[in-house]
Amino acid sequence: MTSFRPIADVAGAGSGGEFDPRVATRRRRVATAIVIAALVVLAGIGGAFTPTFLTFDNLLVVIRQASITGVIALGMSYVTISGNLFALSAEELAILTACIFGWLMRAKFGLALSLIATLLFAGLGGAVQGGIIALGADPIITTLAFGGFFRGLASVVSQNQNILLGTDAAQWLGTGRPLGVPTQSWAFLILTPLAWIVLQKTRIGRVLVLAGANRAAARSAGLRVGQAALLGLTLLGLCCGLAGISAAAQFGQAVANLFQGLNFDVVAAVLVGGIALRGGQGSPIQAALGAAFIALLQNFMLLNDFSSGWRMTVVGSLVALATCLFHILQRRRE
């Protein structure tokens, strides 16, 4: 059985003790506080200038809008924290899983079997990418290539037509509102603390954090750092599967042009949340807060009739500003 050295020893090993878990915790708390403060400021400005902005019904819309992006951003946070930047195939894998779920439901495989098979495929889709990256392939190029593969396969499965589920068995997954809150929002709210627990309290989280922080030190502690890419991409794949199933259930059909722009929104959520690009620092909660902030901002702009061009410009500028801000704060603390 592999024995592990204490995390403080691992963090200080390898490259001159460049990673200190206590410093990383402080950075994470500062980044989280900044995003929460930005959410409060945005809510205050929106409420002051747009009367319907802070109504209960509109906030439910915001949470629902943040849910799909947020669920996938939770999975993407594992990829980034593990030191593998981003997976640019998340949108396409979510589309493919929606089409697979729709096809299985239409073929009358039943809800339970369709859910299990779709999630297994989604996890496998992430694991294959992670395995290739673990062998030394570039994560951006690898996932970009798989994105094209997944999109093409989605077109094959759907034959470029809407796949009607043909049954209402899955409808509650997409349109249910327990206690008045959409099921997607409940999933997002429940998965966020679970994602934090996985990262902070499990061996999987240990591998992801230490591999992203200091690969040489992680190896000296007995960790197989190649597992980080495999684990991170597998978890992301499962999140994409959940998003695809939710969308197909919500609309009662699946089609190969779902989730347009989702890759950008997910990456933006991770960056706005303040997760360190170089890996080893961050939390899924930061990604969730980033998704909530972007959804709130998009909602404010929609209510005030911003054109799609201006909305893209504002969000893109926000991502660039957040990246620079968190990078400067990180450099000042080193």
C-alpha atoms as a PDB file:
ATOM      1  CA  MET A   1       0.000   0.000   0.000  1.00  0.00           C
ATOM      2  CA  THR A   2       1.292   3.461  -0.886  1.00  0.00           C
ATOM      3  CA  SER A   3       2.158   5.613   2.092  1.00  0.00           C
ATOM      4  CA  PHE A   4       1.662   9.366   2.026  1.00  0.00           C
ATOM      5  CA  ARG A   5       3.712  12.054   3.651  1.00  0.00           C
ATOM      6  CA  PRO A   6       1.880  14.897   5.422  1.00  0.00           C
ATOM      7  CA  ILE A   7       0.533  17.516   3.057  1.00  0.00           C
ATOM      8  CA  ALA A   8       2.719  20.239   4.561  1.00  0.00           C
ATOM      9  CA  ASP A   9       5.818  18.151   3.847  1.00  0.00           C
ATOM     10  CA  VAL A  10       4.712  17.513   0.293  1.00  0.00           C
ATOM     11  CA  ALA A  11       3.917  21.167  -0.272  1.00  0.00           C
ATOM     12  CA  GLY A  12       7.330  22.234   0.854  1.00  0.00           C
ATOM     13  CA  ALA A  13       9.199  19.610  -1.129  1.00  0.00           C
ATOM     14  CA  GLY A  14      10.500  19.670  -4.658  1.00  0.00           C
ATOM     15  CA  SER A  15      10.939  23.170  -6.007  1.00  0.00           C
ATOM     16  CA  GLY A  16      12.063  25.183  -3.066  1.00  0.00           C
ATOM     17  CA  GLY A  17       8.892  24.983  -0.996  1.00  0.00           C
ATOM     18  CA  GLU A  18       7.061  27.252  -3.447  1.00  0.00           C
ATOM     19  CA  PHE A  19       3.651  25.982  -2.366  1.00  0.00           C
ATOM     20  CA  ASP A  20       2.447  26.569   1.178  1.00  0.00           C
ATOM     21  CA  PRO A  21      -1.060  25.226   1.915  1.00  0.00           C
ATOM     22  CA  ARG A  22      -1.670  27.998   4.450  1.00  0.00           C
ATOM     23  CA  VAL A  23      -0.822  30.661   1.881  1.00  0.00           C
ATOM     24  CA  ALA A  24      -3.001  28.875  -0.681  1.00  0.00           C
ATOM     25  CA  THR A  25      -5.901  28.886   1.772  1.00  0.00           C
ATOM     26  CA  ARG A  26      -5.504  32.636   2.370  1.00  0.00           C
ATOM     27  CA  ARG A  27      -5.414  33.288  -1.374  1.00  0.00           C
ATOM     28  CA  ARG A  28      -8.531  31.209  -1.885  1.00  0.00           C
ATOM     29  CA  ARG A  29     -10.358  33.097   0.839  1.00  0.00           C
ATOM     30  CA  VAL A  30      -9.304  36.463  -0.560  1.00  0.00           C
ATOM     31  CA  ALA A  31     -10.429  35.489  -4.075  1.00  0.00           C
ATOM     32  CA  THR A  32     -13.750  34.174  -2.747  1.00  0.00           C
ATOM     33  CA  ALA A  33     -14.312  37.357  -0.744  1.00  0.00           C
ATOM     34  CA  ILE A  34     -13.640  39.484  -3.825  1.00  0.00           C
ATOM     35  CA  VAL A  35     -16.184  37.579  -5.916  1.00  0.00           C
ATOM     36  CA  ILE A  36     -18.813  37.732  -3.150  1.00  0.00           C
ATOM     37  CA  ALA A  37     -18.216  41.483  -2.792  1.00  0.00           C
ATOM     38  CA  ALA A  38     -18.576  41.870  -6.573  1.00  0.00           C
ATOM     39  CA  LEU A  39     -21.881  39.949  -6.447  1.00  0.00           C
ATOM     40  CA  VAL A  40     -23.174  42.235  -3.690  1.00  0.00           C
ATOM     41  CA  VAL A  41     -22.127  45.378  -5.589  1.00  0.00           C
ATOM     42  CA  LEU A  42     -23.693  44.137  -8.824  1.00  0.00           C
ATOM     43  CA  ALA A  43     -26.915  43.241  -7.011  1.00  0.00           C
ATOM     44  CA  GLY A  44     -27.004  46.693  -5.435  1.00  0.00           C
ATOM     45  CA  ILE A  45     -26.417  48.499  -8.727  1.00  0.00           C
ATOM     46  CA  GLY A  46     -28.908  46.308 -10.565  1.00  0.00           C
ATOM     47  CA  GLY A  47     -31.555  46.781  -7.894  1.00  0.00           C
ATOM     48  CA  ALA A  48     -31.068  50.548  -7.939  1.00  0.00           C
ATOM     49  CA  PHE A  49     -31.409  50.931 -11.702  1.00  0.00           C
ATOM     50  CA  THR A  50     -33.728  48.046 -12.615  1.00  0.00           C
ATOM     51  CA  PRO A  51     -36.817  47.595 -10.379  1.00  0.00           C
ATOM     52  CA  THR A  52     -37.473  43.988 -11.448  1.00  0.00           C
ATOM     53  CA  PHE A  53     -33.849  42.895 -10.994  1.00  0.00           C
ATOM     54  CA  LEU A  54     -34.018  41.782  -7.354  1.00  0.00           C
ATOM     55  CA  THR A  55     -37.491  40.267  -7.452  1.00  0.00           C
ATOM     56  CA  PHE A  56     -37.822  36.661  -6.340  1.00  0.00           C
ATOM     57  CA  ASP A  57     -38.973  35.460  -9.753  1.00  0.00           C
ATOM     58  CA  ASN A  58     -36.039  37.112 -11.524  1.00  0.00           C
ATOM     59  CA  LEU A  59     -33.516  35.743  -9.036  1.00  0.00           C
ATOM     60  CA  LEU A  60     -34.907  32.255  -9.724  1.00  0.00           C
ATOM     61  CA  VAL A  61     -34.277  32.921 -13.413  1.00  0.00           C
ATOM     62  CA  VAL A  62     -30.698  33.941 -12.618  1.00  0.00           C
ATOM     63  CA  ILE A  63     -30.058  30.820 -10.543  1.00  0.00           C
ATOM     64  CA  ARG A  64     -31.486  28.650 -13.304  1.00  0.00           C
ATOM     65  CA  GLN A  65     -29.301  30.388 -15.889  1.00  0.00           C
ATOM     66  CA  ALA A  66     -26.249  29.849 -13.692  1.00  0.00           C
ATOM     67  CA  SER A  67     -27.035  26.186 -13.053  1.00  0.00           C
ATOM     68  CA  ILE A  68     -25.937  24.526 -16.301  1.00  0.00           C
ATOM     69  CA  THR A  69     -22.801  26.643 -16.570  1.00  0.00           C
ATOM     70  CA  GLY A  70     -22.198  26.261 -12.848  1.00  0.00           C
ATOM     71  CA  VAL A  71     -22.470  22.462 -12.777  1.00  0.00           C
ATOM     72  CA  ILE A  72     -19.934  22.108 -15.587  1.00  0.00           C
ATOM     73  CA  ALA A  73     -17.739  24.812 -14.027  1.00  0.00           C
ATOM     74  CA  LEU A  74     -17.576  22.664 -10.876  1.00  0.00           C
ATOM     75  CA  GLY A  75     -16.074  19.881 -12.971  1.00  0.00           C
ATOM     76  CA  MET A  76     -13.814  22.294 -14.845  1.00  0.00           C
ATOM     77  CA  SER A  77     -12.428  23.560 -11.537  1.00  0.00           C
ATOM     78  CA  TYR A  78     -10.955  20.092 -10.932  1.00  0.00           C
ATOM     79  CA  VAL A  79      -9.196  20.226 -14.300  1.00  0.00           C
ATOM     80  CA  THR A  80      -7.718  23.671 -13.654  1.00  0.00           C
ATOM     81  CA  ILE A  81      -6.712  22.964 -10.057  1.00  0.00           C
ATOM     82  CA  SER A  82      -4.958  19.777 -11.199  1.00  0.00           C
ATOM     83  CA  GLY A  83      -2.677  21.902 -13.390  1.00  0.00           C
ATOM     84  CA  ASN A  84      -4.265  20.984 -16.727  1.00  0.00           C
ATOM     85  CA  LEU A  85      -5.675  24.397 -17.668  1.00  0.00           C
ATOM     86  CA  PHE A  86      -9.070  23.829 -19.338  1.00  0.00           C
ATOM     87  CA  ALA A  87     -10.966  21.216 -21.307  1.00  0.00           C
ATOM     88  CA  LEU A  88     -12.307  22.839 -24.470  1.00  0.00           C
ATOM     89  CA  SER A  89     -14.611  19.905 -25.175  1.00  0.00           C
ATOM     90  CA  ALA A  90     -17.105  20.443 -22.343  1.00  0.00           C
ATOM     91  CA  GLU A  91     -19.767  22.023 -24.542  1.00  0.00           C
ATOM     92  CA  GLU A  92     -19.515  19.288 -27.156  1.00  0.00           C
ATOM     93  CA  LEU A  93     -19.545  16.447 -24.613  1.00  0.00           C
ATOM     94  CA  ALA A  94     -22.660  17.936 -23.003  1.00  0.00           C
ATOM     95  CA  ILE A  95     -24.326  18.087 -26.433  1.00  0.00           C
ATOM     96  CA  LEU A  96     -23.388  14.490 -27.193  1.00  0.00           C
ATOM     97  CA  THR A  97     -24.679  13.205 -23.855  1.00  0.00           C
ATOM     98  CA  ALA A  98     -27.965  15.049 -24.400  1.00  0.00           C
ATOM     99  CA  CYS A  99     -28.320  13.342 -27.787  1.00  0.00           C
ATOM    100  CA  ILE A 100     -27.412   9.924 -26.360  1.00  0.00           C
ATOM    101  CA  PHE A 101     -29.906  10.325 -23.522  1.00  0.00           C
ATOM    102  CA  GLY A 102     -32.587  11.436 -25.973  1.00  0.00           C
ATOM    103  CA  TRP A 103     -31.884   8.486 -28.274  1.00  0.00           C
ATOM    104  CA  LEU A 104     -31.995   5.996 -25.393  1.00  0.00           C
ATOM    105  CA  MET A 105     -35.269   7.410 -24.090  1.00  0.00           C
ATOM    106  CA  ARG A 106     -36.829   7.385 -27.553  1.00  0.00           C
ATOM    107  CA  ALA A 107     -35.701   3.770 -27.965  1.00  0.00           C
ATOM    108  CA  LYS A 108     -37.615   2.970 -24.749  1.00  0.00           C
ATOM    109  CA  PHE A 109     -34.649   1.811 -22.669  1.00  0.00           C
ATOM    110  CA  GLY A 110     -36.342   3.331 -19.627  1.00  0.00           C
ATOM    111  CA  LEU A 111     -35.366   6.276 -17.457  1.00  0.00           C
ATOM    112  CA  ALA A 112     -33.062   4.481 -15.011  1.00  0.00           C
ATOM    113  CA  LEU A 113     -31.046   2.621 -17.660  1.00  0.00           C
ATOM    114  CA  SER A 114     -30.852   5.715 -19.869  1.00  0.00           C
ATOM    115  CA  LEU A 115     -29.522   7.804 -16.988  1.00  0.00           C
ATOM    116  CA  ILE A 116     -26.901   5.238 -15.994  1.00  0.00           C
ATOM    117  CA  ALA A 117     -25.743   4.566 -19.550  1.00  0.00           C
ATOM    118  CA  THR A 118     -25.507   8.277 -20.378  1.00  0.00           C
ATOM    119  CA  LEU A 119     -23.504   9.097 -17.256  1.00  0.00           C
ATOM    120  CA  LEU A 120     -21.191   6.139 -17.842  1.00  0.00           C
ATOM    121  CA  PHE A 121     -20.572   7.335 -21.389  1.00  0.00           C
ATOM    122  CA  ALA A 122     -19.973  10.903 -20.167  1.00  0.00           C
ATOM    123  CA  GLY A 123     -17.475   9.716 -17.558  1.00  0.00           C
ATOM    124  CA  LEU A 124     -15.743   7.543 -20.150  1.00  0.00           C
ATOM    125  CA  GLY A 125     -15.580  10.467 -22.571  1.00  0.00           C
ATOM    126  CA  GLY A 126     -13.777  12.511 -19.940  1.00  0.00           C
ATOM    127  CA  ALA A 127     -11.568   9.611 -18.849  1.00  0.00           C
ATOM    128  CA  VAL A 128     -10.279   8.939 -22.373  1.00  0.00           C
ATOM    129  CA  GLN A 129      -9.218  12.564 -22.711  1.00  0.00           C
ATOM    130  CA  GLY A 130      -7.644  12.516 -19.255  1.00  0.00           C
ATOM    131  CA  GLY A 131      -5.764   9.310 -20.030  1.00  0.00           C
ATOM    132  CA  ILE A 132      -4.257  10.812 -23.183  1.00  0.00           C
ATOM    133  CA  ILE A 133      -3.270  13.972 -21.310  1.00  0.00           C
ATOM    134  CA  ALA A 134      -1.741  11.823 -18.543  1.00  0.00           C
ATOM    135  CA  LEU A 135       0.539  10.322 -21.201  1.00  0.00           C
ATOM    136  CA  GLY A 136       1.934  13.794 -21.887  1.00  0.00           C
ATOM    137  CA  ALA A 137      -0.388  15.296 -24.494  1.00  0.00           C
ATOM    138  CA  ASP A 138      -1.233  19.010 -24.361  1.00  0.00           C
ATOM    139  CA  PRO A 139      -4.622  19.477 -22.601  1.00  0.00           C
ATOM    140  CA  ILE A 140      -5.794  22.319 -24.844  1.00  0.00           C
ATOM    141  CA  ILE A 141      -4.991  20.584 -28.142  1.00  0.00           C
ATOM    142  CA  THR A 142      -6.290  17.224 -26.925  1.00  0.00           C
ATOM    143  CA  THR A 143      -9.622  18.512 -25.676  1.00  0.00           C
ATOM    144  CA  LEU A 144     -10.067  20.784 -28.704  1.00  0.00           C
ATOM    145  CA  ALA A 145      -9.665  17.747 -30.961  1.00  0.00           C
ATOM    146  CA  PHE A 146     -12.089  15.697 -28.877  1.00  0.00           C
ATOM    147  CA  GLY A 147     -14.535  18.593 -29.003  1.00  0.00           C
ATOM    148  CA  GLY A 148     -14.692  18.210 -32.766  1.00  0.00           C
ATOM    149  CA  PHE A 149     -15.053  14.445 -32.407  1.00  0.00           C
ATOM    150  CA  PHE A 150     -17.902  14.760 -29.890  1.00  0.00           C
ATOM    151  CA  ARG A 151     -19.741  17.344 -31.995  1.00  0.00           C
ATOM    152  CA  GLY A 152     -19.460  15.160 -35.086  1.00  0.00           C
ATOM    153  CA  LEU A 153     -20.669  12.115 -33.188  1.00  0.00           C
ATOM    154  CA  ALA A 154     -23.616  14.129 -31.853  1.00  0.00           C
ATOM    155  CA  SER A 155     -24.576  14.962 -35.449  1.00  0.00           C
ATOM    156  CA  VAL A 156     -24.356  11.269 -36.336  1.00  0.00           C
ATOM    157  CA  VAL A 157     -26.514  10.206 -33.372  1.00  0.00           C
ATOM    158  CA  SER A 158     -29.109  12.904 -34.015  1.00  0.00           C
ATOM    159  CA  GLN A 159     -28.836  12.801 -37.827  1.00  0.00           C
ATOM    160  CA  ASN A 160     -28.969  16.608 -37.541  1.00  0.00           C
ATOM    161  CA  GLN A 161     -32.580  16.405 -36.396  1.00  0.00           C
ATOM    162  CA  ASN A 162     -34.354  16.892 -33.107  1.00  0.00           C
ATOM    163  CA  ILE A 163     -34.431  13.713 -31.029  1.00  0.00           C
ATOM    164  CA  LEU A 164     -37.789  13.641 -29.301  1.00  0.00           C
ATOM    165  CA  LEU A 165     -37.706  11.727 -26.020  1.00  0.00           C
ATOM    166  CA  GLY A 166     -41.165  10.344 -26.771  1.00  0.00           C
ATOM    167  CA  THR A 167     -42.082  10.094 -23.089  1.00  0.00           C
ATOM    168  CA  ASP A 168     -42.703  12.337 -20.092  1.00  0.00           C
ATOM    169  CA  ALA A 169     -40.768  10.037 -17.738  1.00  0.00           C
ATOM    170  CA  ALA A 170     -37.798  12.405 -17.573  1.00  0.00           C
ATOM    171  CA  GLN A 171     -39.766  15.648 -17.668  1.00  0.00           C
ATOM    172  CA  TRP A 172     -39.470  16.292 -13.937  1.00  0.00           C
ATOM    173  CA  LEU A 173     -35.668  16.344 -14.278  1.00  0.00           C
ATOM    174  CA  GLY A 174     -35.885  19.409 -16.492  1.00  0.00           C
ATOM    175  CA  THR A 175     -39.085  21.184 -15.529  1.00  0.00           C
ATOM    176  CA  GLY A 176     -39.757  20.168 -11.928  1.00  0.00           C
ATOM    177  CA  ARG A 177     -39.813  22.879  -9.272  1.00  0.00           C
ATOM    178  CA  PRO A 178     -39.532  21.344  -5.768  1.00  0.00           C
ATOM    179  CA  LEU A 179     -40.400  24.061  -3.229  1.00  0.00           C
ATOM    180  CA  GLY A 180     -40.746  26.455  -6.164  1.00  0.00           C
ATOM    181  CA  VAL A 181     -37.088  26.116  -7.217  1.00  0.00           C
ATOM    182  CA  PRO A 182     -36.152  24.495 -10.575  1.00  0.00           C
ATOM    183  CA  THR A 183     -34.536  21.066 -10.371  1.00  0.00           C
ATOM    184  CA  GLN A 184     -31.420  22.341 -12.191  1.00  0.00           C
ATOM    185  CA  SER A 185     -30.961  24.950  -9.489  1.00  0.00           C
ATOM    186  CA  TRP A 186     -31.309  22.329  -6.756  1.00  0.00           C
ATOM    187  CA  ALA A 187     -28.712  20.200  -8.513  1.00  0.00           C
ATOM    188  CA  PHE A 188     -26.317  23.151  -8.684  1.00  0.00           C
ATOM    189  CA  LEU A 189     -26.868  24.099  -5.046  1.00  0.00           C
ATOM    190  CA  ILE A 190     -26.383  20.516  -3.849  1.00  0.00           C
ATOM    191  CA  LEU A 191     -23.417  19.660  -6.069  1.00  0.00           C
ATOM    192  CA  THR A 192     -21.433  22.763  -5.080  1.00  0.00           C
ATOM    193  CA  PRO A 193     -20.759  21.723  -1.450  1.00  0.00           C
ATOM    194  CA  LEU A 194     -20.306  18.098  -2.571  1.00  0.00           C
ATOM    195  CA  ALA A 195     -17.651  19.218  -5.055  1.00  0.00           C
ATOM    196  CA  TRP A 196     -15.886  21.108  -2.262  1.00  0.00           C
ATOM    197  CA  ILE A 197     -15.947  18.023  -0.034  1.00  0.00           C
ATOM    198  CA  VAL A 198     -14.428  15.889  -2.805  1.00  0.00           C
ATOM    199  CA  LEU A 199     -11.574  18.352  -3.235  1.00  0.00           C
ATOM    200  CA  GLN A 200     -10.903  19.022   0.442  1.00  0.00           C
ATOM    201  CA  LYS A 201     -11.668  15.732   2.178  1.00  0.00           C
ATOM    202  CA  THR A 202     -10.879  12.868  -0.211  1.00  0.00           C
ATOM    203  CA  ARG A 203      -7.835  11.201  -1.700  1.00  0.00           C
ATOM    204  CA  ILE A 204      -9.026  12.304  -5.146  1.00  0.00           C
ATOM    205  CA  GLY A 205      -8.860  15.914  -4.001  1.00  0.00           C
ATOM    206  CA  ARG A 206      -5.403  15.338  -2.545  1.00  0.00           C
ATOM    207  CA  VAL A 207      -4.113  14.058  -5.872  1.00  0.00           C
ATOM    208  CA  LEU A 208      -5.666  16.954  -7.810  1.00  0.00           C
ATOM    209  CA  VAL A 209      -4.328  19.692  -5.528  1.00  0.00           C
ATOM    210  CA  LEU A 210      -0.819  18.343  -5.025  1.00  0.00           C
ATOM    211  CA  ALA A 211      -0.334  17.419  -8.689  1.00  0.00           C
ATOM    212  CA  GLY A 212      -1.350  20.929  -9.691  1.00  0.00           C
ATOM    213  CA  ALA A 213       0.765  22.613  -7.004  1.00  0.00           C
ATOM    214  CA  ASN A 214       4.038  20.728  -7.368  1.00  0.00           C
ATOM    215  CA  ARG A 215       4.313  17.640  -9.554  1.00  0.00           C
ATOM    216  CA  ALA A 216       7.837  16.741  -8.447  1.00  0.00           C
ATOM    217  CA  ALA A 217       6.860  16.940  -4.791  1.00  0.00           C
ATOM    218  CA  ALA A 218       3.696  14.927  -5.415  1.00  0.00           C
ATOM    219  CA  ARG A 219       5.744  12.163  -7.044  1.00  0.00           C
ATOM    220  CA  SER A 220       8.157  12.118  -4.109  1.00  0.00           C
ATOM    221  CA  ALA A 221       5.165  11.645  -1.798  1.00  0.00           C
ATOM    222  CA  GLY A 222       4.090   8.537  -3.680  1.00  0.00           C
ATOM    223  CA  LEU A 223       1.277  10.097  -5.701  1.00  0.00           C
ATOM    224  CA  ARG A 224       0.752   9.137  -9.334  1.00  0.00           C
ATOM    225  CA  VAL A 225       0.419  12.598 -10.817  1.00  0.00           C
ATOM    226  CA  GLY A 226      -0.844  11.185 -14.092  1.00  0.00           C
ATOM    227  CA  GLN A 227      -4.004  10.305 -12.207  1.00  0.00           C
ATOM    228  CA  ALA A 228      -4.769  14.011 -11.785  1.00  0.00           C
ATOM    229  CA  ALA A 229      -5.673  14.531 -15.433  1.00  0.00           C
ATOM    230  CA  LEU A 230      -7.603  11.263 -15.519  1.00  0.00           C
ATOM    231  CA  LEU A 231      -9.589  12.074 -12.370  1.00  0.00           C
ATOM    232  CA  GLY A 232     -10.187  15.727 -13.255  1.00  0.00           C
ATOM    233  CA  LEU A 233     -11.445  15.013 -16.776  1.00  0.00           C
ATOM    234  CA  THR A 234     -13.588  12.093 -15.608  1.00  0.00           C
ATOM    235  CA  LEU A 235     -15.323  14.267 -13.019  1.00  0.00           C
ATOM    236  CA  LEU A 236     -15.787  16.976 -15.643  1.00  0.00           C
ATOM    237  CA  GLY A 237     -17.294  14.399 -17.995  1.00  0.00           C
ATOM    238  CA  LEU A 238     -19.844  13.389 -15.375  1.00  0.00           C
ATOM    239  CA  CYS A 239     -20.801  17.047 -14.877  1.00  0.00           C
ATOM    240  CA  CYS A 240     -21.239  17.430 -18.641  1.00  0.00           C
ATOM    241  CA  GLY A 241     -23.455  14.334 -18.596  1.00  0.00           C
ATOM    242  CA  LEU A 242     -25.664  15.846 -15.909  1.00  0.00           C
ATOM    243  CA  ALA A 243     -25.969  19.069 -17.903  1.00  0.00           C
ATOM    244  CA  GLY A 244     -26.836  17.200 -21.104  1.00  0.00           C
ATOM    245  CA  ILE A 245     -29.484  15.070 -19.391  1.00  0.00           C
ATOM    246  CA  SER A 246     -30.995  18.137 -17.736  1.00  0.00           C
ATOM    247  CA  ALA A 247     -31.261  20.038 -21.010  1.00  0.00           C
ATOM    248  CA  ALA A 248     -32.790  17.120 -22.892  1.00  0.00           C
ATOM    249  CA  ALA A 249     -35.309  16.569 -20.099  1.00  0.00           C
ATOM    250  CA  GLN A 250     -36.178  20.259 -19.925  1.00  0.00           C
ATOM    251  CA  PHE A 251     -36.979  20.606 -23.633  1.00  0.00           C
ATOM    252  CA  GLY A 252     -38.255  17.057 -24.167  1.00  0.00           C
ATOM    253  CA  GLN A 253     -35.790  16.694 -27.008  1.00  0.00           C
ATOM    254  CA  ALA A 254     -32.101  16.874 -27.889  1.00  0.00           C
ATOM    255  CA  VAL A 255     -30.375  18.429 -30.871  1.00  0.00           C
ATOM    256  CA  ALA A 256     -26.763  18.900 -31.921  1.00  0.00           C
ATOM    257  CA  ASN A 257     -26.781  22.718 -31.579  1.00  0.00           C
ATOM    258  CA  LEU A 258     -27.474  22.945 -27.846  1.00  0.00           C
ATOM    259  CA  PHE A 259     -25.305  24.920 -25.412  1.00  0.00           C
ATOM    260  CA  GLN A 260     -23.881  27.447 -27.863  1.00  0.00           C
ATOM    261  CA  GLY A 261     -21.040  29.390 -26.228  1.00  0.00           C
ATOM    262  CA  LEU A 262     -20.964  27.115 -23.186  1.00  0.00           C
ATOM    263  CA  ASN A 263     -17.191  26.537 -23.336  1.00  0.00           C
ATOM    264  CA  PHE A 264     -16.552  30.248 -23.000  1.00  0.00           C
ATOM    265  CA  ASP A 265     -19.068  30.659 -20.175  1.00  0.00           C
ATOM    266  CA  VAL A 266     -17.537  27.792 -18.196  1.00  0.00           C
ATOM    267  CA  VAL A 267     -13.967  29.030 -18.636  1.00  0.00           C
ATOM    268  CA  ALA A 268     -15.141  32.524 -17.739  1.00  0.00           C
ATOM    269  CA  ALA A 269     -16.754  31.226 -14.534  1.00  0.00           C
ATOM    270  CA  VAL A 270     -13.492  29.550 -13.486  1.00  0.00           C
ATOM    271  CA  LEU A 271     -11.413  32.654 -14.236  1.00  0.00           C
ATOM    272  CA  VAL A 272     -13.838  35.147 -12.691  1.00  0.00           C
ATOM    273  CA  GLY A 273     -13.989  32.891  -9.640  1.00  0.00           C
ATOM    274  CA  GLY A 274     -10.245  33.418  -9.179  1.00  0.00           C
ATOM    275  CA  ILE A 275      -8.979  29.835  -9.532  1.00  0.00           C
ATOM    276  CA  ALA A 276      -5.240  29.894 -10.222  1.00  0.00           C
ATOM    277  CA  LEU A 277      -4.413  28.989 -13.835  1.00  0.00           C
ATOM    278  CA  ARG A 278      -1.135  27.338 -12.870  1.00  0.00           C
ATOM    279  CA  GLY A 279      -2.984  24.834 -10.687  1.00  0.00           C
ATOM    280  CA  GLY A 280      -2.862  23.750  -7.078  1.00  0.00           C
ATOM    281  CA  GLN A 281      -4.982  26.618  -5.770  1.00  0.00           C
ATOM    282  CA  GLY A 282      -8.709  27.187  -5.825  1.00  0.00           C
ATOM    283  CA  SER A 283     -12.043  25.662  -4.951  1.00  0.00           C
ATOM    284  CA  PRO A 284     -15.179  24.531  -6.800  1.00  0.00           C
ATOM    285  CA  ILE A 285     -17.049  27.114  -4.729  1.00  0.00           C
ATOM    286  CA  GLN A 286     -15.085  29.837  -6.522  1.00  0.00           C
ATOM    287  CA  ALA A 287     -16.194  28.431  -9.882  1.00  0.00           C
ATOM    288  CA  ALA A 288     -19.805  28.329  -8.663  1.00  0.00           C
ATOM    289  CA  LEU A 289     -19.604  31.954  -7.529  1.00  0.00           C
ATOM    290  CA  GLY A 290     -18.060  32.910 -10.869  1.00  0.00           C
ATOM    291  CA  ALA A 291     -20.952  31.255 -12.705  1.00  0.00           C
ATOM    292  CA  ALA A 292     -23.458  33.068 -10.475  1.00  0.00           C
ATOM    293  CA  PHE A 293     -21.775  36.425 -11.085  1.00  0.00           C
ATOM    294  CA  ILE A 294     -21.759  35.978 -14.862  1.00  0.00           C
ATOM    295  CA  ALA A 295     -25.408  34.883 -14.866  1.00  0.00           C
ATOM    296  CA  LEU A 296     -26.358  37.890 -12.730  1.00  0.00           C
ATOM    297  CA  LEU A 297     -24.452  40.244 -15.026  1.00  0.00           C
ATOM    298  CA  GLN A 298     -25.972  38.720 -18.155  1.00  0.00           C
ATOM    299  CA  ASN A 299     -29.443  39.032 -16.647  1.00  0.00           C
ATOM    300  CA  PHE A 300     -28.877  42.691 -15.774  1.00  0.00           C
ATOM    301  CA  MET A 301     -27.737  43.424 -19.328  1.00  0.00           C
ATOM    302  CA  LEU A 302     -30.707  41.571 -20.842  1.00  0.00           C
ATOM    303  CA  LEU A 303     -33.169  43.516 -18.685  1.00  0.00           C
ATOM    304  CA  ASN A 304     -31.527  46.731 -19.879  1.00  0.00           C
ATOM    305  CA  ASP A 305     -31.625  45.768 -23.571  1.00  0.00           C
ATOM    306  CA  PHE A 306     -27.880  45.353 -24.147  1.00  0.00           C
ATOM    307  CA  SER A 307     -27.221  43.892 -27.586  1.00  0.00           C
ATOM    308  CA  SER A 308     -25.535  40.490 -27.855  1.00  0.00           C
ATOM    309  CA  GLY A 309     -22.372  42.212 -29.077  1.00  0.00           C
ATOM    310  CA  TRP A 310     -22.191  44.447 -26.019  1.00  0.00           C
ATOM    311  CA  ARG A 311     -22.908  41.524 -23.703  1.00  0.00           C
ATOM    312  CA  MET A 312     -20.029  39.550 -25.190  1.00  0.00           C
ATOM    313  CA  THR A 313     -17.761  42.581 -24.963  1.00  0.00           C
ATOM    314  CA  VAL A 314     -18.591  43.192 -21.312  1.00  0.00           C
ATOM    315  CA  VAL A 315     -18.154  39.565 -20.257  1.00  0.00           C
ATOM    316  CA  GLY A 316     -14.918  39.223 -22.221  1.00  0.00           C
ATOM    317  CA  SER A 317     -13.557  42.380 -20.640  1.00  0.00           C
ATOM    318  CA  LEU A 318     -14.597  41.123 -17.218  1.00  0.00           C
ATOM    319  CA  VAL A 319     -12.720  37.849 -17.719  1.00  0.00           C
ATOM    320  CA  ALA A 320      -9.572  39.703 -18.788  1.00  0.00           C
ATOM    321  CA  LEU A 321      -9.837  42.104 -15.840  1.00  0.00           C
ATOM    322  CA  ALA A 322     -10.436  39.314 -13.309  1.00  0.00           C
ATOM    323  CA  THR A 323      -7.513  37.296 -14.646  1.00  0.00           C
ATOM    324  CA  CYS A 324      -5.166  40.279 -14.357  1.00  0.00           C
ATOM    325  CA  LEU A 325      -6.462  41.229 -10.908  1.00  0.00           C
ATOM    326  CA  PHE A 326      -6.065  37.774  -9.376  1.00  0.00           C
ATOM    327  CA  HIS A 327      -2.659  37.352 -11.022  1.00  0.00           C
ATOM    328  CA  ILE A 328      -1.459  40.638  -9.525  1.00  0.00           C
ATOM    329  CA  LEU A 329      -2.786  39.714  -6.085  1.00  0.00           C
ATOM    330  CA  GLN A 330      -1.076  36.347  -6.297  1.00  0.00           C
ATOM    331  CA  ARG A 331       2.256  37.857  -7.317  1.00  0.00           C
ATOM    332  CA  ARG A 332       2.112  40.375  -4.482  1.00  0.00           C
ATOM    333  CA  ARG A 333       1.655  37.591  -1.931  1.00  0.00           C
ATOM    334  CA  GLU A 334       4.570  35.510  -3.195  1.00  0.00           C
END
